[in-house]
Amino acid sequence: MPVFQSKKFRSSSQNATVAAKYRASLARHPFALFGLPFIATMVLGSFFLTPATALRFERHDRKVRQMTKDEELGIGKDKRKIDLQEEYYRLAAKDLDNWEQKRVKRLPGEHDGVF
């Protein structure tokens, strides 16, 4: 029984194309024709994407920035001062023993949990 060749048959018209020439030279020099362009693309891509990444972080830094001491002291000026004794007596003045449980009104079609 005859042994088949491991090489695929390509006609003479296919051998004249640029792709066929590239395929043939790729078999001889794989790093120069595949590895080097790939690595160059990765390196150049990182250089081109660095300004875009920097712009993204600058925009984020504009939104979230560190506060100065003056701004920090100004926050909460209008808030009511809390006195624990006053809060205790305000809570004690309420009638906590006399209360009624009320159900929250549900939206139409929403399950209300009642069996």
PDB file of N, CA and C in Angstrom:
ATOM      1  N   MET A   1       0.849  -1.170   0.000  1.00  0.00           N
ATOM      2  CA  MET A   1       0.000   0.000   0.000  1.00  0.00           C
ATOM      3  C   MET A   1       0.899   1.239   0.000  1.00  0.00           C
ATOM      4  N   PRO A   2       0.592   2.257  -0.850  1.00  0.00           N
ATOM      5  CA  PRO A   2       1.445   3.449  -0.929  1.00  0.00           C
ATOM      6  C   PRO A   2       1.252   4.362   0.279  1.00  0.00           C
ATOM      7  N   VAL A   3       2.282   5.107   0.619  1.00  0.00           N
ATOM      8  CA  VAL A   3       2.247   6.053   1.738  1.00  0.00           C
ATOM      9  C   VAL A   3       1.891   7.430   1.190  1.00  0.00           C
ATOM     10  N   PHE A   4       0.949   8.119   1.877  1.00  0.00           N
ATOM     11  CA  PHE A   4       0.542   9.450   1.433  1.00  0.00           C
ATOM     12  C   PHE A   4       1.555  10.481   1.894  1.00  0.00           C
ATOM     13  N   GLN A   5       1.706  11.513   1.112  1.00  0.00           N
ATOM     14  CA  GLN A   5       2.628  12.585   1.471  1.00  0.00           C
ATOM     15  C   GLN A   5       2.017  13.460   2.556  1.00  0.00           C
ATOM     16  N   SER A   6       2.861  14.019   3.408  1.00  0.00           N
ATOM     17  CA  SER A   6       2.357  14.875   4.483  1.00  0.00           C
ATOM     18  C   SER A   6       2.138  16.301   3.985  1.00  0.00           C
ATOM     19  N   LYS A   7       2.693  16.633   2.839  1.00  0.00           N
ATOM     20  CA  LYS A   7       2.511  17.978   2.297  1.00  0.00           C
ATOM     21  C   LYS A   7       1.174  18.059   1.575  1.00  0.00           C
ATOM     22  N   LYS A   8       0.463  19.173   1.785  1.00  0.00           N
ATOM     23  CA  LYS A   8      -0.802  19.362   1.085  1.00  0.00           C
ATOM     24  C   LYS A   8      -0.516  19.795  -0.347  1.00  0.00           C
ATOM     25  N   PHE A   9      -1.404  19.430  -1.239  1.00  0.00           N
ATOM     26  CA  PHE A   9      -1.235  19.813  -2.633  1.00  0.00           C
ATOM     27  C   PHE A   9      -1.730  21.240  -2.827  1.00  0.00           C
ATOM     28  N   ARG A  10      -0.877  22.046  -3.408  1.00  0.00           N
ATOM     29  CA  ARG A  10      -1.268  23.398  -3.765  1.00  0.00           C
ATOM     30  C   ARG A  10      -0.915  23.591  -5.234  1.00  0.00           C
ATOM     31  N   SER A  11      -1.860  24.127  -5.951  1.00  0.00           N
ATOM     32  CA  SER A  11      -1.615  24.312  -7.382  1.00  0.00           C
ATOM     33  C   SER A  11      -0.625  25.452  -7.612  1.00  0.00           C
ATOM     34  N   SER A  12      -0.127  25.584  -8.828  1.00  0.00           N
ATOM     35  CA  SER A  12       0.871  26.622  -9.134  1.00  0.00           C
ATOM     36  C   SER A  12       0.274  28.014  -9.045  1.00  0.00           C
ATOM     37  N   SER A  13      -1.016  28.147  -9.285  1.00  0.00           N
ATOM     38  CA  SER A  13      -1.642  29.472  -9.169  1.00  0.00           C
ATOM     39  C   SER A  13      -1.725  29.910  -7.700  1.00  0.00           C
ATOM     40  N   GLN A  14      -1.866  28.972  -6.774  1.00  0.00           N
ATOM     41  CA  GLN A  14      -1.907  29.310  -5.348  1.00  0.00           C
ATOM     42  C   GLN A  14      -0.515  29.630  -4.816  1.00  0.00           C
ATOM     43  N   ASN A  15       0.509  29.063  -5.390  1.00  0.00           N
ATOM     44  CA  ASN A  15       1.877  29.304  -4.936  1.00  0.00           C
ATOM     45  C   ASN A  15       2.374  30.698  -5.284  1.00  0.00           C
ATOM     46  N   ALA A  16       1.734  31.379  -6.222  1.00  0.00           N
ATOM     47  CA  ALA A  16       2.178  32.699  -6.662  1.00  0.00           C
ATOM     48  C   ALA A  16       1.600  33.821  -5.804  1.00  0.00           C
ATOM     49  N   THR A  17       0.656  33.533  -4.907  1.00  0.00           N
ATOM     50  CA  THR A  17       0.023  34.598  -4.109  1.00  0.00           C
ATOM     51  C   THR A  17       0.943  35.031  -2.971  1.00  0.00           C
ATOM     52  N   VAL A  18       0.643  36.213  -2.437  1.00  0.00           N
ATOM     53  CA  VAL A  18       1.416  36.760  -1.320  1.00  0.00           C
ATOM     54  C   VAL A  18       1.241  35.883  -0.079  1.00  0.00           C
ATOM     55  N   ALA A  19       0.016  35.382   0.121  1.00  0.00           N
ATOM     56  CA  ALA A  19      -0.251  34.532   1.287  1.00  0.00           C
ATOM     57  C   ALA A  19       0.570  33.260   1.244  1.00  0.00           C
ATOM     58  N   ALA A  20       0.716  32.702   0.061  1.00  0.00           N
ATOM     59  CA  ALA A  20       1.502  31.470  -0.063  1.00  0.00           C
ATOM     60  C   ALA A  20       2.976  31.742   0.203  1.00  0.00           C
ATOM     61  N   LYS A  21       3.468  32.855  -0.274  1.00  0.00           N
ATOM     62  CA  LYS A  21       4.867  33.211  -0.024  1.00  0.00           C
ATOM     63  C   LYS A  21       5.096  33.466   1.472  1.00  0.00           C
ATOM     64  N   TYR A  22       4.142  34.147   2.101  1.00  0.00           N
ATOM     65  CA  TYR A  22       4.243  34.401   3.550  1.00  0.00           C
ATOM     66  C   TYR A  22       4.217  33.091   4.326  1.00  0.00           C
ATOM     67  N   ARG A  23       3.315  32.190   3.935  1.00  0.00           N
ATOM     68  CA  ARG A  23       3.194  30.899   4.618  1.00  0.00           C
ATOM     69  C   ARG A  23       4.489  30.098   4.497  1.00  0.00           C
ATOM     70  N   ALA A  24       5.105  30.158   3.345  1.00  0.00           N
ATOM     71  CA  ALA A  24       6.343  29.408   3.135  1.00  0.00           C
ATOM     72  C   ALA A  24       7.488  30.011   3.941  1.00  0.00           C
ATOM     73  N   SER A  25       7.576  31.336   3.961  1.00  0.00           N
ATOM     74  CA  SER A  25       8.661  31.958   4.723  1.00  0.00           C
ATOM     75  C   SER A  25       8.389  31.912   6.222  1.00  0.00           C
ATOM     76  N   LEU A  26       7.112  31.822   6.629  1.00  0.00           N
ATOM     77  CA  LEU A  26       6.765  31.694   8.050  1.00  0.00           C
ATOM     78  C   LEU A  26       7.279  30.367   8.606  1.00  0.00           C
ATOM     79  N   ALA A  27       7.260  29.352   7.792  1.00  0.00           N
ATOM     80  CA  ALA A  27       7.758  28.052   8.235  1.00  0.00           C
ATOM     81  C   ALA A  27       9.264  28.109   8.482  1.00  0.00           C
ATOM     82  N   ARG A  28       9.955  28.967   7.736  1.00  0.00           N
ATOM     83  CA  ARG A  28      11.409  29.075   7.899  1.00  0.00           C
ATOM     84  C   ARG A  28      11.808  30.034   9.026  1.00  0.00           C
ATOM     85  N   HIS A  29      11.053  31.136   9.197  1.00  0.00           N
ATOM     86  CA  HIS A  29      11.390  32.168  10.198  1.00  0.00           C
ATOM     87  C   HIS A  29      10.149  32.520  11.029  1.00  0.00           C
ATOM     88  N   PRO A  30       9.741  31.665  11.942  1.00  0.00           N
ATOM     89  CA  PRO A  30       8.489  31.923  12.671  1.00  0.00           C
ATOM     90  C   PRO A  30       8.559  33.125  13.602  1.00  0.00           C
ATOM     91  N   PHE A  31       9.685  33.326  14.299  1.00  0.00           N
ATOM     92  CA  PHE A  31       9.742  34.449  15.241  1.00  0.00           C
ATOM     93  C   PHE A  31       9.778  35.784  14.506  1.00  0.00           C
ATOM     94  N   ALA A  32      10.543  35.869  13.444  1.00  0.00           N
ATOM     95  CA  ALA A  32      10.678  37.128  12.718  1.00  0.00           C
ATOM     96  C   ALA A  32       9.375  37.542  12.059  1.00  0.00           C
ATOM     97  N   LEU A  33       8.574  36.599  11.609  1.00  0.00           N
ATOM     98  CA  LEU A  33       7.355  36.937  10.873  1.00  0.00           C
ATOM     99  C   LEU A  33       6.084  36.850  11.708  1.00  0.00           C
ATOM    100  N   PHE A  34       6.136  36.247  12.890  1.00  0.00           N
ATOM    101  CA  PHE A  34       4.946  36.182  13.736  1.00  0.00           C
ATOM    102  C   PHE A  34       5.208  36.741  15.133  1.00  0.00           C
ATOM    103  N   GLY A  35       6.233  36.270  15.797  1.00  0.00           N
ATOM    104  CA  GLY A  35       6.507  36.661  17.182  1.00  0.00           C
ATOM    105  C   GLY A  35       6.902  38.115  17.324  1.00  0.00           C
ATOM    106  N   LEU A  36       7.809  38.571  16.478  1.00  0.00           N
ATOM    107  CA  LEU A  36       8.273  39.958  16.563  1.00  0.00           C
ATOM    108  C   LEU A  36       7.156  40.968  16.288  1.00  0.00           C
ATOM    109  N   PRO A  37       6.332  40.794  15.231  1.00  0.00           N
ATOM    110  CA  PRO A  37       5.213  41.732  15.042  1.00  0.00           C
ATOM    111  C   PRO A  37       4.210  41.699  16.198  1.00  0.00           C
ATOM    112  N   PHE A  38       4.005  40.526  16.774  1.00  0.00           N
ATOM    113  CA  PHE A  38       3.070  40.419  17.899  1.00  0.00           C
ATOM    114  C   PHE A  38       3.588  41.197  19.109  1.00  0.00           C
ATOM    115  N   ILE A  39       4.848  41.009  19.448  1.00  0.00           N
ATOM    116  CA  ILE A  39       5.442  41.709  20.587  1.00  0.00           C
ATOM    117  C   ILE A  39       5.464  43.218  20.321  1.00  0.00           C
ATOM    118  N   ALA A  40       5.793  43.604  19.092  1.00  0.00           N
ATOM    119  CA  ALA A  40       5.803  45.035  18.739  1.00  0.00           C
ATOM    120  C   ALA A  40       4.421  45.637  18.873  1.00  0.00           C
ATOM    121  N   THR A  41       3.388  44.909  18.476  1.00  0.00           N
ATOM    122  CA  THR A  41       2.014  45.391  18.620  1.00  0.00           C
ATOM    123  C   THR A  41       1.650  45.588  20.087  1.00  0.00           C
ATOM    124  N   MET A  42       2.044  44.664  20.948  1.00  0.00           N
ATOM    125  CA  MET A  42       1.746  44.788  22.376  1.00  0.00           C
ATOM    126  C   MET A  42       2.459  46.000  22.983  1.00  0.00           C
ATOM    127  N   VAL A  43       3.725  46.192  22.636  1.00  0.00           N
ATOM    128  CA  VAL A  43       4.498  47.312  23.202  1.00  0.00           C
ATOM    129  C   VAL A  43       3.959  48.642  22.705  1.00  0.00           C
ATOM    130  N   LEU A  44       3.719  48.752  21.405  1.00  0.00           N
ATOM    131  CA  LEU A  44       3.193  50.005  20.857  1.00  0.00           C
ATOM    132  C   LEU A  44       1.782  50.279  21.367  1.00  0.00           C
ATOM    133  N   GLY A  45       0.988  49.236  21.544  1.00  0.00           N
ATOM    134  CA  GLY A  45      -0.358  49.409  22.097  1.00  0.00           C
ATOM    135  C   GLY A  45      -0.319  49.958  23.507  1.00  0.00           C
ATOM    136  N   SER A  46       0.640  49.505  24.294  1.00  0.00           N
ATOM    137  CA  SER A  46       0.738  50.026  25.665  1.00  0.00           C
ATOM    138  C   SER A  46       1.129  51.505  25.649  1.00  0.00           C
ATOM    139  N   PHE A  47       1.995  51.902  24.709  1.00  0.00           N
ATOM    140  CA  PHE A  47       2.362  53.316  24.614  1.00  0.00           C
ATOM    141  C   PHE A  47       1.191  54.175  24.142  1.00  0.00           C
ATOM    142  N   PHE A  48       0.389  53.657  23.230  1.00  0.00           N
ATOM    143  CA  PHE A  48      -0.756  54.423  22.742  1.00  0.00           C
ATOM    144  C   PHE A  48      -1.884  54.484  23.765  1.00  0.00           C
ATOM    145  N   LEU A  49      -2.030  53.470  24.605  1.00  0.00           N
ATOM    146  CA  LEU A  49      -3.112  53.450  25.584  1.00  0.00           C
ATOM    147  C   LEU A  49      -2.768  54.152  26.886  1.00  0.00           C
ATOM    148  N   THR A  50      -1.494  54.458  27.119  1.00  0.00           N
ATOM    149  CA  THR A  50      -1.096  55.146  28.349  1.00  0.00           C
ATOM    150  C   THR A  50      -1.771  56.502  28.506  1.00  0.00           C
ATOM    151  N   PRO A  51      -1.820  57.376  27.492  1.00  0.00           N
ATOM    152  CA  PRO A  51      -2.511  58.655  27.664  1.00  0.00           C
ATOM    153  C   PRO A  51      -4.005  58.489  27.939  1.00  0.00           C
ATOM    154  N   ALA A  52      -4.628  57.502  27.313  1.00  0.00           N
ATOM    155  CA  ALA A  52      -6.057  57.279  27.552  1.00  0.00           C
ATOM    156  C   ALA A  52      -6.296  56.845  28.996  1.00  0.00           C
ATOM    157  N   THR A  53      -5.430  55.994  29.514  1.00  0.00           N
ATOM    158  CA  THR A  53      -5.566  55.551  30.899  1.00  0.00           C
ATOM    159  C   THR A  53      -5.313  56.707  31.857  1.00  0.00           C
ATOM    160  N   ALA A  54      -4.318  57.545  31.547  1.00  0.00           N
ATOM    161  CA  ALA A  54      -4.027  58.701  32.393  1.00  0.00           C
ATOM    162  C   ALA A  54      -5.214  59.653  32.410  1.00  0.00           C
ATOM    163  N   LEU A  55      -5.848  59.863  31.269  1.00  0.00           N
ATOM    164  CA  LEU A  55      -7.024  60.732  31.200  1.00  0.00           C
ATOM    165  C   LEU A  55      -8.155  60.179  32.054  1.00  0.00           C
ATOM    166  N   ARG A  56      -8.318  58.880  32.022  1.00  0.00           N
ATOM    167  CA  ARG A  56      -9.370  58.250  32.829  1.00  0.00           C
ATOM    168  C   ARG A  56      -9.126  58.476  34.325  1.00  0.00           C
ATOM    169  N   PHE A  57      -7.876  58.288  34.757  1.00  0.00           N
ATOM    170  CA  PHE A  57      -7.575  58.482  36.172  1.00  0.00           C
ATOM    171  C   PHE A  57      -7.662  59.950  36.571  1.00  0.00           C
ATOM    172  N   GLU A  58      -7.309  60.869  35.665  1.00  0.00           N
ATOM    173  CA  GLU A  58      -7.431  62.291  35.982  1.00  0.00           C
ATOM    174  C   GLU A  58      -8.883  62.675  36.170  1.00  0.00           C
ATOM    175  N   ARG A  59      -9.761  62.160  35.334  1.00  0.00           N
ATOM    176  CA  ARG A  59     -11.199  62.450  35.499  1.00  0.00           C
ATOM    177  C   ARG A  59     -11.712  61.892  36.819  1.00  0.00           C
ATOM    178  N   HIS A  60     -11.266  60.701  37.177  1.00  0.00           N
ATOM    179  CA  HIS A  60     -11.686  60.110  38.446  1.00  0.00           C
ATOM    180  C   HIS A  60     -11.166  60.944  39.619  1.00  0.00           C
ATOM    181  N   ASP A  61      -9.938  61.435  39.503  1.00  0.00           N
ATOM    182  CA  ASP A  61      -9.365  62.247  40.581  1.00  0.00           C
ATOM    183  C   ASP A  61     -10.088  63.573  40.738  1.00  0.00           C
ATOM    184  N   ARG A  62     -10.613  64.122  39.642  1.00  0.00           N
ATOM    185  CA  ARG A  62     -11.385  65.364  39.754  1.00  0.00           C
ATOM    186  C   ARG A  62     -12.663  65.141  40.543  1.00  0.00           C
ATOM    187  N   LYS A  63     -13.280  63.964  40.368  1.00  0.00           N
ATOM    188  CA  LYS A  63     -14.514  63.666  41.096  1.00  0.00           C
ATOM    189  C   LYS A  63     -14.229  63.372  42.563  1.00  0.00           C
ATOM    190  N   VAL A  64     -13.231  62.550  42.817  1.00  0.00           N
ATOM    191  CA  VAL A  64     -12.889  62.140  44.178  1.00  0.00           C
ATOM    192  C   VAL A  64     -11.556  62.794  44.529  1.00  0.00           C
ATOM    193  N   ARG A  65     -11.608  63.813  45.340  1.00  0.00           N
ATOM    194  CA  ARG A  65     -10.376  64.511  45.690  1.00  0.00           C
ATOM    195  C   ARG A  65     -10.280  64.639  47.204  1.00  0.00           C
ATOM    196  N   GLN A  66      -9.105  64.955  47.677  1.00  0.00           N
ATOM    197  CA  GLN A  66      -8.890  65.069  49.100  1.00  0.00           C
ATOM    198  C   GLN A  66      -9.390  66.424  49.577  1.00  0.00           C
ATOM    199  N   MET A  67     -10.054  66.436  50.727  1.00  0.00           N
ATOM    200  CA  MET A  67     -10.619  67.672  51.243  1.00  0.00           C
ATOM    201  C   MET A  67      -9.581  68.416  52.069  1.00  0.00           C
ATOM    202  N   THR A  68      -9.664  69.756  52.015  1.00  0.00           N
ATOM    203  CA  THR A  68      -8.798  70.562  52.857  1.00  0.00           C
ATOM    204  C   THR A  68      -9.395  70.618  54.258  1.00  0.00           C
ATOM    205  N   LYS A  69      -8.621  71.112  55.213  1.00  0.00           N
ATOM    206  CA  LYS A  69      -9.117  71.202  56.598  1.00  0.00           C
ATOM    207  C   LYS A  69     -10.306  72.161  56.686  1.00  0.00           C
ATOM    208  N   ASP A  70     -10.274  73.260  55.911  1.00  0.00           N
ATOM    209  CA  ASP A  70     -11.386  74.221  55.951  1.00  0.00           C
ATOM    210  C   ASP A  70     -12.674  73.587  55.444  1.00  0.00           C
ATOM    211  N   GLU A  71     -12.589  72.825  54.350  1.00  0.00           N
ATOM    212  CA  GLU A  71     -13.777  72.147  53.840  1.00  0.00           C
ATOM    213  C   GLU A  71     -14.263  71.099  54.826  1.00  0.00           C
ATOM    214  N   GLU A  72     -13.314  70.415  55.440  1.00  0.00           N
ATOM    215  CA  GLU A  72     -13.662  69.367  56.397  1.00  0.00           C
ATOM    216  C   GLU A  72     -14.392  69.955  57.604  1.00  0.00           C
ATOM    217  N   LEU A  73     -13.943  71.105  58.064  1.00  0.00           N
ATOM    218  CA  LEU A  73     -14.585  71.746  59.206  1.00  0.00           C
ATOM    219  C   LEU A  73     -15.931  72.338  58.827  1.00  0.00           C
ATOM    220  N   GLY A  74     -16.109  72.695  57.571  1.00  0.00           N
ATOM    221  CA  GLY A  74     -17.360  73.303  57.128  1.00  0.00           C
ATOM    222  C   GLY A  74     -18.488  72.308  56.956  1.00  0.00           C
ATOM    223  N   ILE A  75     -18.159  71.044  56.801  1.00  0.00           N
ATOM    224  CA  ILE A  75     -19.194  70.030  56.611  1.00  0.00           C
ATOM    225  C   ILE A  75     -19.913  69.793  57.932  1.00  0.00           C
ATOM    226  N   GLY A  76     -21.216  69.745  57.875  1.00  0.00           N
ATOM    227  CA  GLY A  76     -22.008  69.440  59.051  1.00  0.00           C
ATOM    228  C   GLY A  76     -22.217  70.616  59.983  1.00  0.00           C
ATOM    229  N   LYS A  77     -22.001  71.841  59.497  1.00  0.00           N
ATOM    230  CA  LYS A  77     -22.229  73.013  60.347  1.00  0.00           C
ATOM    231  C   LYS A  77     -23.700  73.150  60.715  1.00  0.00           C
ATOM    232  N   ASP A  78     -24.562  72.838  59.764  1.00  0.00           N
ATOM    233  CA  ASP A  78     -25.991  73.043  59.967  1.00  0.00           C
ATOM    234  C   ASP A  78     -26.659  71.893  60.713  1.00  0.00           C
ATOM    235  N   LYS A  79     -25.924  70.863  61.016  1.00  0.00           N
ATOM    236  CA  LYS A  79     -26.512  69.729  61.710  1.00  0.00           C
ATOM    237  C   LYS A  79     -26.792  70.080  63.172  1.00  0.00           C
ATOM    238  N   ARG A  80     -27.814  69.407  63.705  1.00  0.00           N
ATOM    239  CA  ARG A  80     -28.197  69.628  65.097  1.00  0.00           C
ATOM    240  C   ARG A  80     -27.185  68.940  66.002  1.00  0.00           C
ATOM    241  N   LYS A  81     -26.792  69.608  67.056  1.00  0.00           N
ATOM    242  CA  LYS A  81     -25.869  69.021  68.028  1.00  0.00           C
ATOM    243  C   LYS A  81     -26.591  67.913  68.792  1.00  0.00           C
ATOM    244  N   ILE A  82     -25.913  66.837  69.049  1.00  0.00           N
ATOM    245  CA  ILE A  82     -26.519  65.697  69.731  1.00  0.00           C
ATOM    246  C   ILE A  82     -26.101  65.707  71.191  1.00  0.00           C
ATOM    247  N   ASP A  83     -27.109  65.643  72.038  1.00  0.00           N
ATOM    248  CA  ASP A  83     -26.880  65.557  73.480  1.00  0.00           C
ATOM    249  C   ASP A  83     -27.543  64.262  73.943  1.00  0.00           C
ATOM    250  N   LEU A  84     -26.768  63.367  74.524  1.00  0.00           N
ATOM    251  CA  LEU A  84     -27.305  62.057  74.892  1.00  0.00           C
ATOM    252  C   LEU A  84     -28.429  62.165  75.919  1.00  0.00           C
ATOM    253  N   GLN A  85     -28.297  63.090  76.844  1.00  0.00           N
ATOM    254  CA  GLN A  85     -29.333  63.229  77.872  1.00  0.00           C
ATOM    255  C   GLN A  85     -30.639  63.719  77.239  1.00  0.00           C
ATOM    256  N   GLU A  86     -30.521  64.650  76.326  1.00  0.00           N
ATOM    257  CA  GLU A  86     -31.719  65.153  75.647  1.00  0.00           C
ATOM    258  C   GLU A  86     -32.378  64.053  74.815  1.00  0.00           C
ATOM    259  N   GLU A  87     -31.578  63.254  74.129  1.00  0.00           N
ATOM    260  CA  GLU A  87     -32.117  62.163  73.320  1.00  0.00           C
ATOM    261  C   GLU A  87     -32.810  61.126  74.198  1.00  0.00           C
ATOM    262  N   TYR A  88     -32.249  60.868  75.365  1.00  0.00           N
ATOM    263  CA  TYR A  88     -32.849  59.908  76.295  1.00  0.00           C
ATOM    264  C   TYR A  88     -34.230  60.382  76.738  1.00  0.00           C
ATOM    265  N   TYR A  89     -34.340  61.639  77.108  1.00  0.00           N
ATOM    266  CA  TYR A  89     -35.626  62.150  77.588  1.00  0.00           C
ATOM    267  C   TYR A  89     -36.640  62.316  76.461  1.00  0.00           C
ATOM    268  N   ARG A  90     -36.157  62.600  75.239  1.00  0.00           N
ATOM    269  CA  ARG A  90     -37.081  62.683  74.101  1.00  0.00           C
ATOM    270  C   ARG A  90     -37.682  61.312  73.822  1.00  0.00           C
ATOM    271  N   LEU A  91     -36.883  60.256  73.891  1.00  0.00           N
ATOM    272  CA  LEU A  91     -37.356  58.900  73.657  1.00  0.00           C
ATOM    273  C   LEU A  91     -38.250  58.439  74.811  1.00  0.00           C
ATOM    274  N   ALA A  92     -37.908  58.816  76.024  1.00  0.00           N
ATOM    275  CA  ALA A  92     -38.704  58.408  77.186  1.00  0.00           C
ATOM    276  C   ALA A  92     -40.059  59.100  77.184  1.00  0.00           C
ATOM    277  N   ALA A  93     -40.181  60.274  76.581  1.00  0.00           N
ATOM    278  CA  ALA A  93     -41.442  61.004  76.560  1.00  0.00           C
ATOM    279  C   ALA A  93     -42.445  60.354  75.614  1.00  0.00           C
ATOM    280  N   LYS A  94     -41.971  59.577  74.652  1.00  0.00           N
ATOM    281  CA  LYS A  94     -42.887  58.909  73.732  1.00  0.00           C
ATOM    282  C   LYS A  94     -43.548  57.732  74.441  1.00  0.00           C
ATOM    283  N   ASP A  95     -44.768  57.443  74.000  1.00  0.00           N
ATOM    284  CA  ASP A  95     -45.505  56.322  74.575  1.00  0.00           C
ATOM    285  C   ASP A  95     -45.135  55.067  73.785  1.00  0.00           C
ATOM    286  N   LEU A  96     -44.153  54.329  74.269  1.00  0.00           N
ATOM    287  CA  LEU A  96     -43.646  53.179  73.538  1.00  0.00           C
ATOM    288  C   LEU A  96     -44.491  51.922  73.727  1.00  0.00           C
ATOM    289  N   ASP A  97     -45.369  51.927  74.742  1.00  0.00           N
ATOM    290  CA  ASP A  97     -46.183  50.744  74.999  1.00  0.00           C
ATOM    291  C   ASP A  97     -47.482  50.745  74.201  1.00  0.00           C
ATOM    292  N   ASN A  98     -47.893  51.883  73.704  1.00  0.00           N
ATOM    293  CA  ASN A  98     -49.162  51.995  72.992  1.00  0.00           C
ATOM    294  C   ASN A  98     -48.856  52.250  71.506  1.00  0.00           C
ATOM    295  N   TRP A  99     -48.782  51.176  70.746  1.00  0.00           N
ATOM    296  CA  TRP A  99     -48.514  51.321  69.324  1.00  0.00           C
ATOM    297  C   TRP A  99     -49.313  50.291  68.553  1.00  0.00           C
ATOM    298  N   GLU A 100     -49.450  50.517  67.267  1.00  0.00           N
ATOM    299  CA  GLU A 100     -50.232  49.632  66.417  1.00  0.00           C
ATOM    300  C   GLU A 100     -49.423  49.300  65.169  1.00  0.00           C
ATOM    301  N   GLN A 101     -49.404  48.031  64.811  1.00  0.00           N
ATOM    302  CA  GLN A 101     -48.663  47.613  63.639  1.00  0.00           C
ATOM    303  C   GLN A 101     -49.506  47.847  62.391  1.00  0.00           C
ATOM    304  N   LYS A 102     -48.926  48.522  61.401  1.00  0.00           N
ATOM    305  CA  LYS A 102     -49.645  48.798  60.155  1.00  0.00           C
ATOM    306  C   LYS A 102     -48.859  48.200  58.995  1.00  0.00           C
ATOM    307  N   ARG A 103     -49.593  47.582  58.066  1.00  0.00           N
ATOM    308  CA  ARG A 103     -48.960  46.994  56.892  1.00  0.00           C
ATOM    309  C   ARG A 103     -48.667  48.082  55.863  1.00  0.00           C
ATOM    310  N   VAL A 104     -47.574  47.891  55.155  1.00  0.00           N
ATOM    311  CA  VAL A 104     -47.212  48.810  54.093  1.00  0.00           C
ATOM    312  C   VAL A 104     -48.045  48.479  52.871  1.00  0.00           C
ATOM    313  N   LYS A 105     -48.586  49.498  52.211  1.00  0.00           N
ATOM    314  CA  LYS A 105     -49.401  49.267  51.023  1.00  0.00           C
ATOM    315  C   LYS A 105     -48.494  48.752  49.905  1.00  0.00           C
ATOM    316  N   ARG A 106     -48.935  47.666  49.268  1.00  0.00           N
ATOM    317  CA  ARG A 106     -48.146  47.028  48.221  1.00  0.00           C
ATOM    318  C   ARG A 106     -48.546  47.581  46.860  1.00  0.00           C
ATOM    319  N   LEU A 107     -47.626  47.483  45.908  1.00  0.00           N
ATOM    320  CA  LEU A 107     -47.927  47.875  44.540  1.00  0.00           C
ATOM    321  C   LEU A 107     -48.852  46.853  43.910  1.00  0.00           C
ATOM    322  N   PRO A 108     -49.621  47.251  42.904  1.00  0.00           N
ATOM    323  CA  PRO A 108     -50.527  46.289  42.253  1.00  0.00           C
ATOM    324  C   PRO A 108     -49.716  45.147  41.615  1.00  0.00           C
ATOM    325  N   GLY A 109     -50.145  43.925  41.885  1.00  0.00           N
ATOM    326  CA  GLY A 109     -49.478  42.748  41.349  1.00  0.00           C
ATOM    327  C   GLY A 109     -48.328  42.258  42.193  1.00  0.00           C
ATOM    328  N   GLU A 110     -47.920  43.003  43.210  1.00  0.00           N
ATOM    329  CA  GLU A 110     -46.823  42.589  44.056  1.00  0.00           C
ATOM    330  C   GLU A 110     -47.348  41.653  45.139  1.00  0.00           C
ATOM    331  N   HIS A 111     -46.588  40.580  45.406  1.00  0.00           N
ATOM    332  CA  HIS A 111     -46.991  39.603  46.425  1.00  0.00           C
ATOM    333  C   HIS A 111     -46.877  40.253  47.794  1.00  0.00           C
ATOM    334  N   ASP A 112     -47.936  40.142  48.594  1.00  0.00           N
ATOM    335  CA  ASP A 112     -47.932  40.806  49.898  1.00  0.00           C
ATOM    336  C   ASP A 112     -47.520  39.900  51.046  1.00  0.00           C
ATOM    337  N   GLY A 113     -47.242  38.626  50.780  1.00  0.00           N
ATOM    338  CA  GLY A 113     -46.758  37.739  51.812  1.00  0.00           C
ATOM    339  C   GLY A 113     -47.844  37.138  52.690  1.00  0.00           C
ATOM    340  N   VAL A 114     -49.128  37.407  52.404  1.00  0.00           N
ATOM    341  CA  VAL A 114     -50.232  36.863  53.198  1.00  0.00           C
ATOM    342  C   VAL A 114     -50.639  35.538  52.599  1.00  0.00           C
ATOM    343  N   PHE A 115     -50.746  34.501  53.427  1.00  0.00           N
ATOM    344  CA  PHE A 115     -51.119  33.173  52.922  1.00  0.00           C
ATOM    345  C   PHE A 115     -52.598  33.062  52.763  1.00  0.00           C
TER     346      PHE A 115
END
